[in-house]
Amino acid sequence: IDCGNGNYFAILVGGNTIAESNVILNRGYDYAYTFDPMTYARPWG
């Protein structure tokens, strides 16, 4: 859910772990989204 100004929130049900494979990035030609591991560590777990 979009909470405004670039912040989003989700509550997982049925499992308490998340891996990179569970995240699908929007890579459309209009706006692309990627991870930034050089600045922010990937938080999987």
Full PDB file with SEQRES, HELIX, SHEET, SSBOND, CRYST1, ORIGX, SCALE, CONECT and MASTER records, all heavy atoms in Angstrom:
SEQRES   1 A   45  ILE ASP CYS GLY ASN GLY ASN TYR PHE ALA ILE LEU VAL          
SEQRES   2 A   45  GLY GLY ASN THR ILE ALA GLU SER ASN VAL ILE LEU ASN          
SEQRES   3 A   45  ARG GLY TYR ASP TYR ALA TYR THR PHE ASP PRO MET THR          
SEQRES   4 A   45  TYR ALA ARG PRO TRP GLY                                      
HELIX    1 AA1 GLU A   20  ASN A   22  5                                   3    
CRYST1    1.000    1.000    1.000  90.00  90.00  90.00 P 1           1          
ORIGX1      1.000000  0.000000  0.000000        0.00000                         
ORIGX2      0.000000  1.000000  0.000000        0.00000                         
ORIGX3      0.000000  0.000000  1.000000        0.00000                         
SCALE1      1.000000  0.000000  0.000000        0.00000                         
SCALE2      0.000000  1.000000  0.000000        0.00000                         
SCALE3      0.000000  0.000000  1.000000        0.00000                         
ATOM      1  N   ILE A   1       0.836  -1.201   0.000  1.00  0.00           N  
ATOM      2  CA  ILE A   1       0.000   0.000   0.000  1.00  0.00           C  
ATOM      3  C   ILE A   1       0.876   1.257   0.000  1.00  0.00           C  
ATOM      4  O   ILE A   1       1.844   1.362   0.747  1.00  0.00           O  
ATOM      5  CB  ILE A   1      -0.920   0.011   1.235  1.00  0.00           C  
ATOM      6  CG1 ILE A   1      -2.000  -1.059   1.099  1.00  0.00           C  
ATOM      7  CG2 ILE A   1      -1.558   1.380   1.429  1.00  0.00           C  
ATOM      8  CD1 ILE A   1      -3.051  -0.741   0.068  1.00  0.00           C  
ATOM      9  N   ASP A   2       0.501   2.211  -0.846  1.00  0.00           N  
ATOM     10  CA  ASP A   2       1.189   3.504  -0.899  1.00  0.00           C  
ATOM     11  C   ASP A   2       0.723   4.369   0.265  1.00  0.00           C  
ATOM     12  O   ASP A   2      -0.468   4.673   0.394  1.00  0.00           O  
ATOM     13  CB  ASP A   2       0.879   4.185  -2.233  1.00  0.00           C  
ATOM     14  CG  ASP A   2       1.520   5.552  -2.368  1.00  0.00           C  
ATOM     15  OD1 ASP A   2       2.434   5.858  -1.569  1.00  0.00           O  
ATOM     16  OD2 ASP A   2       1.104   6.303  -3.266  1.00  0.00           O  
ATOM     17  N   CYS A   3       1.649   4.784   1.107  1.00  0.00           N  
ATOM     18  CA  CYS A   3       1.326   5.664   2.232  1.00  0.00           C  
ATOM     19  C   CYS A   3       1.661   7.125   1.929  1.00  0.00           C  
ATOM     20  O   CYS A   3       1.512   7.990   2.799  1.00  0.00           O  
ATOM     21  CB  CYS A   3       2.073   5.210   3.489  1.00  0.00           C  
ATOM     22  SG  CYS A   3       1.582   3.567   4.049  1.00  0.00           S  
ATOM     23  N   GLY A   4       2.124   7.398   0.732  1.00  0.00           N  
ATOM     24  CA  GLY A   4       2.410   8.770   0.320  1.00  0.00           C  
ATOM     25  C   GLY A   4       3.870   9.144   0.430  1.00  0.00           C  
ATOM     26  O   GLY A   4       4.597   8.676   1.312  1.00  0.00           O  
ATOM     27  N   ASN A   5       4.312   9.971  -0.516  1.00  0.00           N  
ATOM     28  CA  ASN A   5       5.668  10.531  -0.523  1.00  0.00           C  
ATOM     29  C   ASN A   5       6.767   9.471  -0.477  1.00  0.00           C  
ATOM     30  O   ASN A   5       7.778   9.618   0.205  1.00  0.00           O  
ATOM     31  CB  ASN A   5       5.832  11.528   0.623  1.00  0.00           C  
ATOM     32  CG  ASN A   5       4.931  12.737   0.460  1.00  0.00           C  
ATOM     33  OD1 ASN A   5       4.587  13.135  -0.657  1.00  0.00           O  
ATOM     34  ND2 ASN A   5       4.525  13.334   1.568  1.00  0.00           N  
ATOM     35  N   GLY A   6       6.555   8.383  -1.212  1.00  0.00           N  
ATOM     36  CA  GLY A   6       7.598   7.379  -1.392  1.00  0.00           C  
ATOM     37  C   GLY A   6       7.686   6.328  -0.316  1.00  0.00           C  
ATOM     38  O   GLY A   6       8.682   5.601  -0.258  1.00  0.00           O  
ATOM     39  N   ASN A   7       6.673   6.196   0.527  1.00  0.00           N  
ATOM     40  CA  ASN A   7       6.666   5.187   1.594  1.00  0.00           C  
ATOM     41  C   ASN A   7       5.523   4.201   1.383  1.00  0.00           C  
ATOM     42  O   ASN A   7       4.399   4.602   1.053  1.00  0.00           O  
ATOM     43  CB  ASN A   7       6.523   5.861   2.958  1.00  0.00           C  
ATOM     44  CG  ASN A   7       7.721   6.725   3.304  1.00  0.00           C  
ATOM     45  OD1 ASN A   7       8.770   6.225   3.683  1.00  0.00           O  
ATOM     46  ND2 ASN A   7       7.567   8.044   3.147  1.00  0.00           N  
ATOM     47  N   TYR A   8       5.825   2.919   1.608  1.00  0.00           N  
ATOM     48  CA  TYR A   8       4.856   1.858   1.382  1.00  0.00           C  
ATOM     49  C   TYR A   8       4.871   0.910   2.583  1.00  0.00           C  
ATOM     50  O   TYR A   8       5.861   0.822   3.314  1.00  0.00           O  
ATOM     51  CB  TYR A   8       5.184   1.101   0.087  1.00  0.00           C  
ATOM     52  CG  TYR A   8       5.359   2.036  -1.090  1.00  0.00           C  
ATOM     53  CD1 TYR A   8       6.603   2.610  -1.356  1.00  0.00           C  
ATOM     54  CD2 TYR A   8       4.293   2.382  -1.909  1.00  0.00           C  
ATOM     55  CE1 TYR A   8       6.771   3.503  -2.403  1.00  0.00           C  
ATOM     56  CE2 TYR A   8       4.454   3.273  -2.958  1.00  0.00           C  
ATOM     57  CZ  TYR A   8       5.690   3.828  -3.205  1.00  0.00           C  
ATOM     58  OH  TYR A   8       5.850   4.711  -4.227  1.00  0.00           O  
ATOM     59  N   PHE A   9       3.769   0.168   2.755  1.00  0.00           N  
ATOM     60  CA  PHE A   9       3.662  -0.701   3.927  1.00  0.00           C  
ATOM     61  C   PHE A   9       2.937  -1.976   3.543  1.00  0.00           C  
ATOM     62  O   PHE A   9       1.989  -1.961   2.747  1.00  0.00           O  
ATOM     63  CB  PHE A   9       2.906   0.017   5.044  1.00  0.00           C  
ATOM     64  CG  PHE A   9       2.999  -0.654   6.383  1.00  0.00           C  
ATOM     65  CD1 PHE A   9       4.182  -0.634   7.117  1.00  0.00           C  
ATOM     66  CD2 PHE A   9       1.896  -1.313   6.925  1.00  0.00           C  
ATOM     67  CE1 PHE A   9       4.263  -1.248   8.363  1.00  0.00           C  
ATOM     68  CE2 PHE A   9       1.964  -1.930   8.172  1.00  0.00           C  
ATOM     69  CZ  PHE A   9       3.159  -1.899   8.894  1.00  0.00           C  
ATOM     70  N   ALA A  10       3.400  -3.087   4.123  1.00  0.00           N  
ATOM     71  CA  ALA A  10       2.775  -4.381   3.870  1.00  0.00           C  
ATOM     72  C   ALA A  10       2.861  -5.242   5.125  1.00  0.00           C  
ATOM     73  O   ALA A  10       3.848  -5.189   5.873  1.00  0.00           O  
ATOM     74  CB  ALA A  10       3.460  -5.093   2.700  1.00  0.00           C  
ATOM     75  N   ILE A  11       1.815  -6.033   5.356  1.00  0.00           N  
ATOM     76  CA  ILE A  11       1.775  -6.992   6.460  1.00  0.00           C  
ATOM     77  C   ILE A  11       1.690  -8.384   5.852  1.00  0.00           C  
ATOM     78  O   ILE A  11       0.707  -8.726   5.177  1.00  0.00           O  
ATOM     79  CB  ILE A  11       0.558  -6.748   7.379  1.00  0.00           C  
ATOM     80  CG1 ILE A  11       0.563  -5.317   7.925  1.00  0.00           C  
ATOM     81  CG2 ILE A  11       0.545  -7.759   8.526  1.00  0.00           C  
ATOM     82  CD1 ILE A  11      -0.698  -4.954   8.700  1.00  0.00           C  
ATOM     83  N   LEU A  12       2.719  -9.205   6.071  1.00  0.00           N  
ATOM     84  CA  LEU A  12       2.740 -10.555   5.523  1.00  0.00           C  
ATOM     85  C   LEU A  12       1.902 -11.493   6.376  1.00  0.00           C  
ATOM     86  O   LEU A  12       1.919 -11.427   7.614  1.00  0.00           O  
ATOM     87  CB  LEU A  12       4.168 -11.078   5.436  1.00  0.00           C  
ATOM     88  CG  LEU A  12       5.159 -10.259   4.596  1.00  0.00           C  
ATOM     89  CD1 LEU A  12       6.504 -10.992   4.502  1.00  0.00           C  
ATOM     90  CD2 LEU A  12       4.600  -9.964   3.202  1.00  0.00           C  
ATOM     91  N   VAL A  13       1.195 -12.387   5.691  1.00  0.00           N  
ATOM     92  CA  VAL A  13       0.361 -13.383   6.358  1.00  0.00           C  
ATOM     93  C   VAL A  13       0.784 -14.772   5.893  1.00  0.00           C  
ATOM     94  O   VAL A  13       0.954 -15.001   4.693  1.00  0.00           O  
ATOM     95  CB  VAL A  13      -1.132 -13.163   6.039  1.00  0.00           C  
ATOM     96  CG1 VAL A  13      -1.994 -14.203   6.761  1.00  0.00           C  
ATOM     97  CG2 VAL A  13      -1.563 -11.753   6.417  1.00  0.00           C  
ATOM     98  N   GLY A  14       0.999 -15.674   6.847  1.00  0.00           N  
ATOM     99  CA  GLY A  14       1.318 -17.058   6.492  1.00  0.00           C  
ATOM    100  C   GLY A  14       2.803 -17.352   6.402  1.00  0.00           C  
ATOM    101  O   GLY A  14       3.193 -18.470   6.056  1.00  0.00           O  
ATOM    102  N   GLY A  15       3.644 -16.426   6.734  1.00  0.00           N  
ATOM    103  CA  GLY A  15       5.087 -16.626   6.709  1.00  0.00           C  
ATOM    104  C   GLY A  15       5.781 -15.359   7.168  1.00  0.00           C  
ATOM    105  O   GLY A  15       5.268 -14.252   6.941  1.00  0.00           O  
ATOM    106  N   ASN A  16       6.927 -15.524   7.833  1.00  0.00           N  
ATOM    107  CA  ASN A  16       7.605 -14.347   8.385  1.00  0.00           C  
ATOM    108  C   ASN A  16       9.007 -14.153   7.821  1.00  0.00           C  
ATOM    109  O   ASN A  16       9.859 -13.536   8.459  1.00  0.00           O  
ATOM    110  CB  ASN A  16       7.672 -14.431   9.904  1.00  0.00           C  
ATOM    111  CG  ASN A  16       8.553 -15.573  10.383  1.00  0.00           C  
ATOM    112  OD1 ASN A  16       8.884 -16.481   9.614  1.00  0.00           O  
ATOM    113  ND2 ASN A  16       8.954 -15.536  11.662  1.00  0.00           N  
ATOM    114  N   THR A  17       9.229 -14.672   6.623  1.00  0.00           N  
ATOM    115  CA  THR A  17      10.514 -14.441   5.964  1.00  0.00           C  
ATOM    116  C   THR A  17      10.275 -13.935   4.545  1.00  0.00           C  
ATOM    117  O   THR A  17       9.236 -14.195   3.935  1.00  0.00           O  
ATOM    118  CB  THR A  17      11.364 -15.723   5.901  1.00  0.00           C  
ATOM    119  OG1 THR A  17      10.652 -16.725   5.153  1.00  0.00           O  
ATOM    120  CG2 THR A  17      11.684 -16.234   7.302  1.00  0.00           C  
ATOM    121  N   ILE A  18      11.267 -13.222   4.048  1.00  0.00           N  
ATOM    122  CA  ILE A  18      11.184 -12.723   2.686  1.00  0.00           C  
ATOM    123  C   ILE A  18      12.562 -12.817   2.049  1.00  0.00           C  
ATOM    124  O   ILE A  18      13.587 -12.550   2.697  1.00  0.00           O  
ATOM    125  CB  ILE A  18      10.653 -11.271   2.650  1.00  0.00           C  
ATOM    126  CG1 ILE A  18      10.386 -10.838   1.199  1.00  0.00           C  
ATOM    127  CG2 ILE A  18      11.607 -10.304   3.339  1.00  0.00           C  
ATOM    128  CD1 ILE A  18       9.623  -9.516   1.108  1.00  0.00           C  
ATOM    129  N   ALA A  19      12.595 -13.250   0.796  1.00  0.00           N  
ATOM    130  CA  ALA A  19      13.841 -13.378   0.036  1.00  0.00           C  
ATOM    131  C   ALA A  19      13.760 -12.504  -1.210  1.00  0.00           C  
ATOM    132  O   ALA A  19      12.676 -12.040  -1.597  1.00  0.00           O  
ATOM    133  CB  ALA A  19      14.068 -14.839  -0.353  1.00  0.00           C  
ATOM    134  N   GLU A  20      14.919 -12.297  -1.828  1.00  0.00           N  
ATOM    135  CA  GLU A  20      14.933 -11.446  -3.020  1.00  0.00           C  
ATOM    136  C   GLU A  20      14.037 -12.016  -4.115  1.00  0.00           C  
ATOM    137  O   GLU A  20      13.424 -11.264  -4.878  1.00  0.00           O  
ATOM    138  CB  GLU A  20      16.362 -11.289  -3.526  1.00  0.00           C  
ATOM    139  CG  GLU A  20      16.480 -10.320  -4.689  1.00  0.00           C  
ATOM    140  CD  GLU A  20      17.913  -9.965  -5.014  1.00  0.00           C  
ATOM    141  OE1 GLU A  20      18.780 -10.084  -4.112  1.00  0.00           O  
ATOM    142  OE2 GLU A  20      18.183  -9.562  -6.156  1.00  0.00           O  
ATOM    143  N   SER A  21      13.921 -13.331  -4.160  1.00  0.00           N  
ATOM    144  CA  SER A  21      13.085 -13.956  -5.181  1.00  0.00           C  
ATOM    145  C   SER A  21      11.595 -13.680  -4.973  1.00  0.00           C  
ATOM    146  O   SER A  21      10.786 -13.893  -5.887  1.00  0.00           O  
ATOM    147  CB  SER A  21      13.320 -15.466  -5.192  1.00  0.00           C  
ATOM    148  OG  SER A  21      13.004 -16.036  -3.929  1.00  0.00           O  
ATOM    149  N   ASN A  22      11.230 -13.207  -3.786  1.00  0.00           N  
ATOM    150  CA  ASN A  22       9.826 -12.881  -3.504  1.00  0.00           C  
ATOM    151  C   ASN A  22       9.473 -11.464  -3.927  1.00  0.00           C  
ATOM    152  O   ASN A  22       8.320 -11.045  -3.783  1.00  0.00           O  
ATOM    153  CB  ASN A  22       9.520 -13.025  -2.012  1.00  0.00           C  
ATOM    154  CG  ASN A  22       9.806 -14.403  -1.472  1.00  0.00           C  
ATOM    155  OD1 ASN A  22      10.429 -14.550  -0.428  1.00  0.00           O  
ATOM    156  ND2 ASN A  22       9.357 -15.441  -2.180  1.00  0.00           N  
ATOM    157  N   VAL A  23      10.462 -10.718  -4.422  1.00  0.00           N  
ATOM    158  CA  VAL A  23      10.255  -9.327  -4.813  1.00  0.00           C  
ATOM    159  C   VAL A  23      10.393  -9.207  -6.326  1.00  0.00           C  
ATOM    160  O   VAL A  23      11.414  -9.573  -6.901  1.00  0.00           O  
ATOM    161  CB  VAL A  23      11.273  -8.397  -4.121  1.00  0.00           C  
ATOM    162  CG1 VAL A  23      11.015  -6.947  -4.527  1.00  0.00           C  
ATOM    163  CG2 VAL A  23      11.209  -8.573  -2.618  1.00  0.00           C  
ATOM    164  N   ILE A  24       9.359  -8.711  -6.960  1.00  0.00           N  
ATOM    165  CA  ILE A  24       9.375  -8.496  -8.409  1.00  0.00           C  
ATOM    166  C   ILE A  24       9.401  -6.995  -8.654  1.00  0.00           C  
ATOM    167  O   ILE A  24       8.478  -6.275  -8.269  1.00  0.00           O  
ATOM    168  CB  ILE A  24       8.148  -9.128  -9.083  1.00  0.00           C  
ATOM    169  CG1 ILE A  24       8.090 -10.633  -8.781  1.00  0.00           C  
ATOM    170  CG2 ILE A  24       8.178  -8.880 -10.588  1.00  0.00           C  
ATOM    171  CD1 ILE A  24       6.853 -11.305  -9.314  1.00  0.00           C  
ATOM    172  N   LEU A  25      10.458  -6.512  -9.285  1.00  0.00           N  
ATOM    173  CA  LEU A  25      10.618  -5.077  -9.526  1.00  0.00           C  
ATOM    174  C   LEU A  25       9.891  -4.648 -10.796  1.00  0.00           C  
ATOM    175  O   LEU A  25       9.834  -5.388 -11.778  1.00  0.00           O  
ATOM    176  CB  LEU A  25      12.099  -4.722  -9.654  1.00  0.00           C  
ATOM    177  CG  LEU A  25      12.967  -4.990  -8.420  1.00  0.00           C  
ATOM    178  CD1 LEU A  25      14.431  -4.716  -8.750  1.00  0.00           C  
ATOM    179  CD2 LEU A  25      12.519  -4.128  -7.248  1.00  0.00           C  
ATOM    180  N   ASN A  26       9.357  -3.465 -10.739  1.00  0.00           N  
ATOM    181  CA  ASN A  26       8.768  -2.879 -11.941  1.00  0.00           C  
ATOM    182  C   ASN A  26       9.901  -2.322 -12.795  1.00  0.00           C  
ATOM    183  O   ASN A  26      10.575  -1.376 -12.406  1.00  0.00           O  
ATOM    184  CB  ASN A  26       7.790  -1.760 -11.554  1.00  0.00           C  
ATOM    185  CG  ASN A  26       7.212  -1.059 -12.775  1.00  0.00           C  
ATOM    186  OD1 ASN A  26       7.278  -1.581 -13.876  1.00  0.00           O  
ATOM    187  ND2 ASN A  26       6.645   0.112 -12.572  1.00  0.00           N  
ATOM    188  N   ARG A  27      10.087  -2.894 -13.955  1.00  0.00           N  
ATOM    189  CA  ARG A  27      11.148  -2.434 -14.856  1.00  0.00           C  
ATOM    190  C   ARG A  27      10.554  -1.908 -16.156  1.00  0.00           C  
ATOM    191  O   ARG A  27      11.136  -2.021 -17.213  1.00  0.00           O  
ATOM    192  CB  ARG A  27      12.144  -3.562 -15.137  1.00  0.00           C  
ATOM    193  CG  ARG A  27      12.860  -4.063 -13.880  1.00  0.00           C  
ATOM    194  CD  ARG A  27      13.910  -5.100 -14.221  1.00  0.00           C  
ATOM    195  NE  ARG A  27      14.570  -5.651 -13.050  1.00  0.00           N  
ATOM    196  CZ  ARG A  27      15.604  -5.092 -12.427  1.00  0.00           C  
ATOM    197  NH1 ARG A  27      16.072  -3.940 -12.864  1.00  0.00           N  
ATOM    198  NH2 ARG A  27      16.151  -5.660 -11.381  1.00  0.00           N  
ATOM    199  N   GLY A  28       9.364  -1.320 -16.054  1.00  0.00           N  
ATOM    200  CA  GLY A  28       8.699  -0.774 -17.224  1.00  0.00           C  
ATOM    201  C   GLY A  28       9.519   0.322 -17.871  1.00  0.00           C  
ATOM    202  O   GLY A  28      10.399   0.923 -17.258  1.00  0.00           O  
ATOM    203  N   TYR A  29       9.173   0.612 -19.126  1.00  0.00           N  
ATOM    204  CA  TYR A  29       9.985   1.594 -19.861  1.00  0.00           C  
ATOM    205  C   TYR A  29       9.741   3.010 -19.378  1.00  0.00           C  
ATOM    206  O   TYR A  29      10.522   3.916 -19.651  1.00  0.00           O  
ATOM    207  CB  TYR A  29       9.701   1.468 -21.356  1.00  0.00           C  
ATOM    208  CG  TYR A  29       8.595   2.340 -21.875  1.00  0.00           C  
ATOM    209  CD1 TYR A  29       8.856   3.375 -22.747  1.00  0.00           C  
ATOM    210  CD2 TYR A  29       7.267   2.129 -21.487  1.00  0.00           C  
ATOM    211  CE1 TYR A  29       7.839   4.175 -23.229  1.00  0.00           C  
ATOM    212  CE2 TYR A  29       6.255   2.920 -21.970  1.00  0.00           C  
ATOM    213  CZ  TYR A  29       6.539   3.941 -22.846  1.00  0.00           C  
ATOM    214  OH  TYR A  29       5.532   4.718 -23.328  1.00  0.00           O  
ATOM    215  N   ASP A  30       8.619   3.222 -18.654  1.00  0.00           N  
ATOM    216  CA  ASP A  30       8.358   4.583 -18.175  1.00  0.00           C  
ATOM    217  C   ASP A  30       9.179   4.876 -16.928  1.00  0.00           C  
ATOM    218  O   ASP A  30       9.965   5.813 -16.886  1.00  0.00           O  
ATOM    219  CB  ASP A  30       6.865   4.790 -17.922  1.00  0.00           C  
ATOM    220  CG  ASP A  30       6.224   3.663 -17.112  1.00  0.00           C  
ATOM    221  OD1 ASP A  30       6.940   2.704 -16.761  1.00  0.00           O  
ATOM    222  OD2 ASP A  30       5.014   3.761 -16.831  1.00  0.00           O  
ATOM    223  N   TYR A  31       9.007   4.063 -15.860  1.00  0.00           N  
ATOM    224  CA  TYR A  31       9.776   4.223 -14.632  1.00  0.00           C  
ATOM    225  C   TYR A  31      10.339   2.868 -14.232  1.00  0.00           C  
ATOM    226  O   TYR A  31       9.603   1.900 -14.105  1.00  0.00           O  
ATOM    227  CB  TYR A  31       8.912   4.781 -13.494  1.00  0.00           C  
ATOM    228  CG  TYR A  31       8.315   6.122 -13.793  1.00  0.00           C  
ATOM    229  CD1 TYR A  31       6.950   6.328 -13.714  1.00  0.00           C  
ATOM    230  CD2 TYR A  31       9.133   7.186 -14.159  1.00  0.00           C  
ATOM    231  CE1 TYR A  31       6.400   7.564 -13.990  1.00  0.00           C  
ATOM    232  CE2 TYR A  31       8.591   8.431 -14.443  1.00  0.00           C  
ATOM    233  CZ  TYR A  31       7.227   8.605 -14.360  1.00  0.00           C  
ATOM    234  OH  TYR A  31       6.685   9.834 -14.650  1.00  0.00           O  
ATOM    235  N   ALA A  32      11.638   2.825 -14.020  1.00  0.00           N  
ATOM    236  CA  ALA A  32      12.288   1.580 -13.616  1.00  0.00           C  
ATOM    237  C   ALA A  32      12.686   1.657 -12.152  1.00  0.00           C  
ATOM    238  O   ALA A  32      13.048   2.719 -11.640  1.00  0.00           O  
ATOM    239  CB  ALA A  32      13.517   1.330 -14.488  1.00  0.00           C  
ATOM    240  N   TYR A  33      12.617   0.528 -11.467  1.00  0.00           N  
ATOM    241  CA  TYR A  33      12.988   0.437 -10.061  1.00  0.00           C  
ATOM    242  C   TYR A  33      14.032  -0.667  -9.900  1.00  0.00           C  
ATOM    243  O   TYR A  33      13.901  -1.751 -10.478  1.00  0.00           O  
ATOM    244  CB  TYR A  33      11.767   0.122  -9.198  1.00  0.00           C  
ATOM    245  CG  TYR A  33      10.750   1.235  -9.180  1.00  0.00           C  
ATOM    246  CD1 TYR A  33       9.844   1.391 -10.232  1.00  0.00           C  
ATOM    247  CD2 TYR A  33      10.702   2.149  -8.134  1.00  0.00           C  
ATOM    248  CE1 TYR A  33       8.919   2.423 -10.229  1.00  0.00           C  
ATOM    249  CE2 TYR A  33       9.778   3.183  -8.120  1.00  0.00           C  
ATOM    250  CZ  TYR A  33       8.891   3.316  -9.173  1.00  0.00           C  
ATOM    251  OH  TYR A  33       7.976   4.341  -9.172  1.00  0.00           O  
ATOM    252  N   THR A  34      15.071  -0.388  -9.124  1.00  0.00           N  
ATOM    253  CA  THR A  34      16.136  -1.348  -8.874  1.00  0.00           C  
ATOM    254  C   THR A  34      16.514  -1.299  -7.396  1.00  0.00           C  
ATOM    255  O   THR A  34      16.107  -0.401  -6.655  1.00  0.00           O  
ATOM    256  CB  THR A  34      17.387  -1.036  -9.717  1.00  0.00           C  
ATOM    257  OG1 THR A  34      17.900   0.250  -9.325  1.00  0.00           O  
ATOM    258  CG2 THR A  34      17.074  -1.026 -11.203  1.00  0.00           C  
ATOM    259  N   PHE A  35      17.311  -2.287  -6.972  1.00  0.00           N  
ATOM    260  CA  PHE A  35      17.899  -2.229  -5.638  1.00  0.00           C  
ATOM    261  C   PHE A  35      19.151  -1.353  -5.696  1.00  0.00           C  
ATOM    262  O   PHE A  35      19.696  -1.096  -6.772  1.00  0.00           O  
ATOM    263  CB  PHE A  35      18.266  -3.633  -5.158  1.00  0.00           C  
ATOM    264  CG  PHE A  35      17.087  -4.561  -5.052  1.00  0.00           C  
ATOM    265  CD1 PHE A  35      16.999  -5.688  -5.857  1.00  0.00           C  
ATOM    266  CD2 PHE A  35      16.067  -4.303  -4.145  1.00  0.00           C  
ATOM    267  CE1 PHE A  35      15.916  -6.541  -5.760  1.00  0.00           C  
ATOM    268  CE2 PHE A  35      14.979  -5.155  -4.036  1.00  0.00           C  
ATOM    269  CZ  PHE A  35      14.900  -6.274  -4.856  1.00  0.00           C  
ATOM    270  N   ASP A  36      19.600  -0.884  -4.548  1.00  0.00           N  
ATOM    271  CA  ASP A  36      20.797  -0.047  -4.470  1.00  0.00           C  
ATOM    272  C   ASP A  36      21.737  -0.636  -3.412  1.00  0.00           C  
ATOM    273  O   ASP A  36      21.947  -0.052  -2.351  1.00  0.00           O  
ATOM    274  CB  ASP A  36      20.410   1.391  -4.117  1.00  0.00           C  
ATOM    275  CG  ASP A  36      21.579   2.360  -4.220  1.00  0.00           C  
ATOM    276  OD1 ASP A  36      22.619   1.973  -4.792  1.00  0.00           O  
ATOM    277  OD2 ASP A  36      21.445   3.488  -3.716  1.00  0.00           O  
ATOM    278  N   PRO A  37      22.306  -1.818  -3.692  1.00  0.00           N  
ATOM    279  CA  PRO A  37      23.086  -2.525  -2.660  1.00  0.00           C  
ATOM    280  C   PRO A  37      24.359  -1.799  -2.242  1.00  0.00           C  
ATOM    281  O   PRO A  37      24.887  -2.066  -1.158  1.00  0.00           O  
ATOM    282  CB  PRO A  37      23.398  -3.866  -3.335  1.00  0.00           C  
ATOM    283  CG  PRO A  37      23.345  -3.586  -4.806  1.00  0.00           C  
ATOM    284  CD  PRO A  37      22.277  -2.560  -4.965  1.00  0.00           C  
ATOM    285  N   MET A  38      24.864  -0.880  -3.084  1.00  0.00           N  
ATOM    286  CA  MET A  38      26.069  -0.153  -2.708  1.00  0.00           C  
ATOM    287  C   MET A  38      25.790   0.821  -1.564  1.00  0.00           C  
ATOM    288  O   MET A  38      26.692   1.189  -0.810  1.00  0.00           O  
ATOM    289  CB  MET A  38      26.635   0.593  -3.914  1.00  0.00           C  
ATOM    290  CG  MET A  38      27.002  -0.316  -5.073  1.00  0.00           C  
ATOM    291  SD  MET A  38      28.264  -1.536  -4.611  1.00  0.00           S  
ATOM    292  CE  MET A  38      29.650  -0.445  -4.302  1.00  0.00           C  
ATOM    293  N   THR A  39      24.513   1.227  -1.446  1.00  0.00           N  
ATOM    294  CA  THR A  39      24.132   2.183  -0.396  1.00  0.00           C  
ATOM    295  C   THR A  39      23.356   1.511   0.725  1.00  0.00           C  
ATOM    296  O   THR A  39      23.574   1.796   1.908  1.00  0.00           O  
ATOM    297  CB  THR A  39      23.290   3.322  -0.990  1.00  0.00           C  
ATOM    298  OG1 THR A  39      24.003   3.913  -2.086  1.00  0.00           O  
ATOM    299  CG2 THR A  39      22.992   4.392   0.056  1.00  0.00           C  
ATOM    300  N   TYR A  40      22.452   0.606   0.335  1.00  0.00           N  
ATOM    301  CA  TYR A  40      21.605  -0.063   1.318  1.00  0.00           C  
ATOM    302  C   TYR A  40      21.751  -1.574   1.163  1.00  0.00           C  
ATOM    303  O   TYR A  40      21.522  -2.120   0.081  1.00  0.00           O  
ATOM    304  CB  TYR A  40      20.135   0.325   1.132  1.00  0.00           C  
ATOM    305  CG  TYR A  40      19.864   1.806   1.324  1.00  0.00           C  
ATOM    306  CD1 TYR A  40      19.885   2.676   0.232  1.00  0.00           C  
ATOM    307  CD2 TYR A  40      19.595   2.323   2.583  1.00  0.00           C  
ATOM    308  CE1 TYR A  40      19.640   4.030   0.399  1.00  0.00           C  
ATOM    309  CE2 TYR A  40      19.343   3.680   2.764  1.00  0.00           C  
ATOM    310  CZ  TYR A  40      19.371   4.522   1.673  1.00  0.00           C  
ATOM    311  OH  TYR A  40      19.128   5.848   1.837  1.00  0.00           O  
ATOM    312  N   ALA A  41      22.094  -2.233   2.239  1.00  0.00           N  
ATOM    313  CA  ALA A  41      22.226  -3.686   2.202  1.00  0.00           C  
ATOM    314  C   ALA A  41      20.861  -4.321   1.942  1.00  0.00           C  
ATOM    315  O   ALA A  41      19.836  -3.834   2.437  1.00  0.00           O  
ATOM    316  CB  ALA A  41      22.795  -4.195   3.525  1.00  0.00           C  
ATOM    317  N   ARG A  42      20.854  -5.407   1.203  1.00  0.00           N  
ATOM    318  CA  ARG A  42      19.600  -6.095   0.963  1.00  0.00           C  
ATOM    319  C   ARG A  42      19.185  -6.803   2.251  1.00  0.00           C  
ATOM    320  O   ARG A  42      19.976  -7.560   2.833  1.00  0.00           O  
ATOM    321  CB  ARG A  42      19.767  -7.082  -0.190  1.00  0.00           C  
ATOM    322  CG  ARG A  42      20.179  -6.367  -1.485  1.00  0.00           C  
ATOM    323  CD  ARG A  42      20.202  -7.285  -2.678  1.00  0.00           C  
ATOM    324  NE  ARG A  42      20.687  -6.575  -3.864  1.00  0.00           N  
ATOM    325  CZ  ARG A  42      20.712  -7.077  -5.094  1.00  0.00           C  
ATOM    326  NH1 ARG A  42      20.275  -8.301  -5.299  1.00  0.00           N  
ATOM    327  NH2 ARG A  42      21.172  -6.366  -6.101  1.00  0.00           N  
ATOM    328  N   PRO A  43      17.944  -6.597   2.678  1.00  0.00           N  
ATOM    329  CA  PRO A  43      17.558  -6.960   4.045  1.00  0.00           C  
ATOM    330  C   PRO A  43      16.919  -8.335   4.204  1.00  0.00           C  
ATOM    331  O   PRO A  43      16.219  -8.567   5.190  1.00  0.00           O  
ATOM    332  CB  PRO A  43      16.527  -5.875   4.357  1.00  0.00           C  
ATOM    333  CG  PRO A  43      15.825  -5.675   3.052  1.00  0.00           C  
ATOM    334  CD  PRO A  43      16.870  -5.856   1.990  1.00  0.00           C  
ATOM    335  N   TRP A  44      17.110  -9.236   3.282  1.00  0.00           N  
ATOM    336  CA  TRP A  44      16.341 -10.475   3.250  1.00  0.00           C  
ATOM    337  C   TRP A  44      16.531 -11.287   4.538  1.00  0.00           C  
ATOM    338  O   TRP A  44      17.615 -11.347   5.101  1.00  0.00           O  
ATOM    339  CB  TRP A  44      16.723 -11.312   2.035  1.00  0.00           C  
ATOM    340  CG  TRP A  44      16.883 -10.455   0.806  1.00  0.00           C  
ATOM    341  CD1 TRP A  44      17.980 -10.361   0.015  1.00  0.00           C  
ATOM    342  CD2 TRP A  44      15.923  -9.552   0.254  1.00  0.00           C  
ATOM    343  NE1 TRP A  44      17.795  -9.469  -0.987  1.00  0.00           N  
ATOM    344  CE2 TRP A  44      16.519  -8.947  -0.871  1.00  0.00           C  
ATOM    345  CE3 TRP A  44      14.627  -9.188   0.611  1.00  0.00           C  
ATOM    346  CZ2 TRP A  44      15.878  -8.015  -1.656  1.00  0.00           C  
ATOM    347  CZ3 TRP A  44      13.976  -8.245  -0.166  1.00  0.00           C  
ATOM    348  CH2 TRP A  44      14.594  -7.673  -1.293  1.00  0.00           C  
ATOM    349  N   GLY A  45      15.414 -11.884   4.935  1.00  0.00           N  
ATOM    350  CA  GLY A  45      15.442 -12.699   6.151  1.00  0.00           C  
ATOM    351  C   GLY A  45      14.126 -12.626   6.893  1.00  0.00           C  
ATOM    352  O   GLY A  45      13.053 -12.523   6.290  1.00  0.00           O  
TER     353      GLY A  45                                                      
MASTER        0    0    0    1    0    0    0    6  352    1    0    4          
END                                                                             
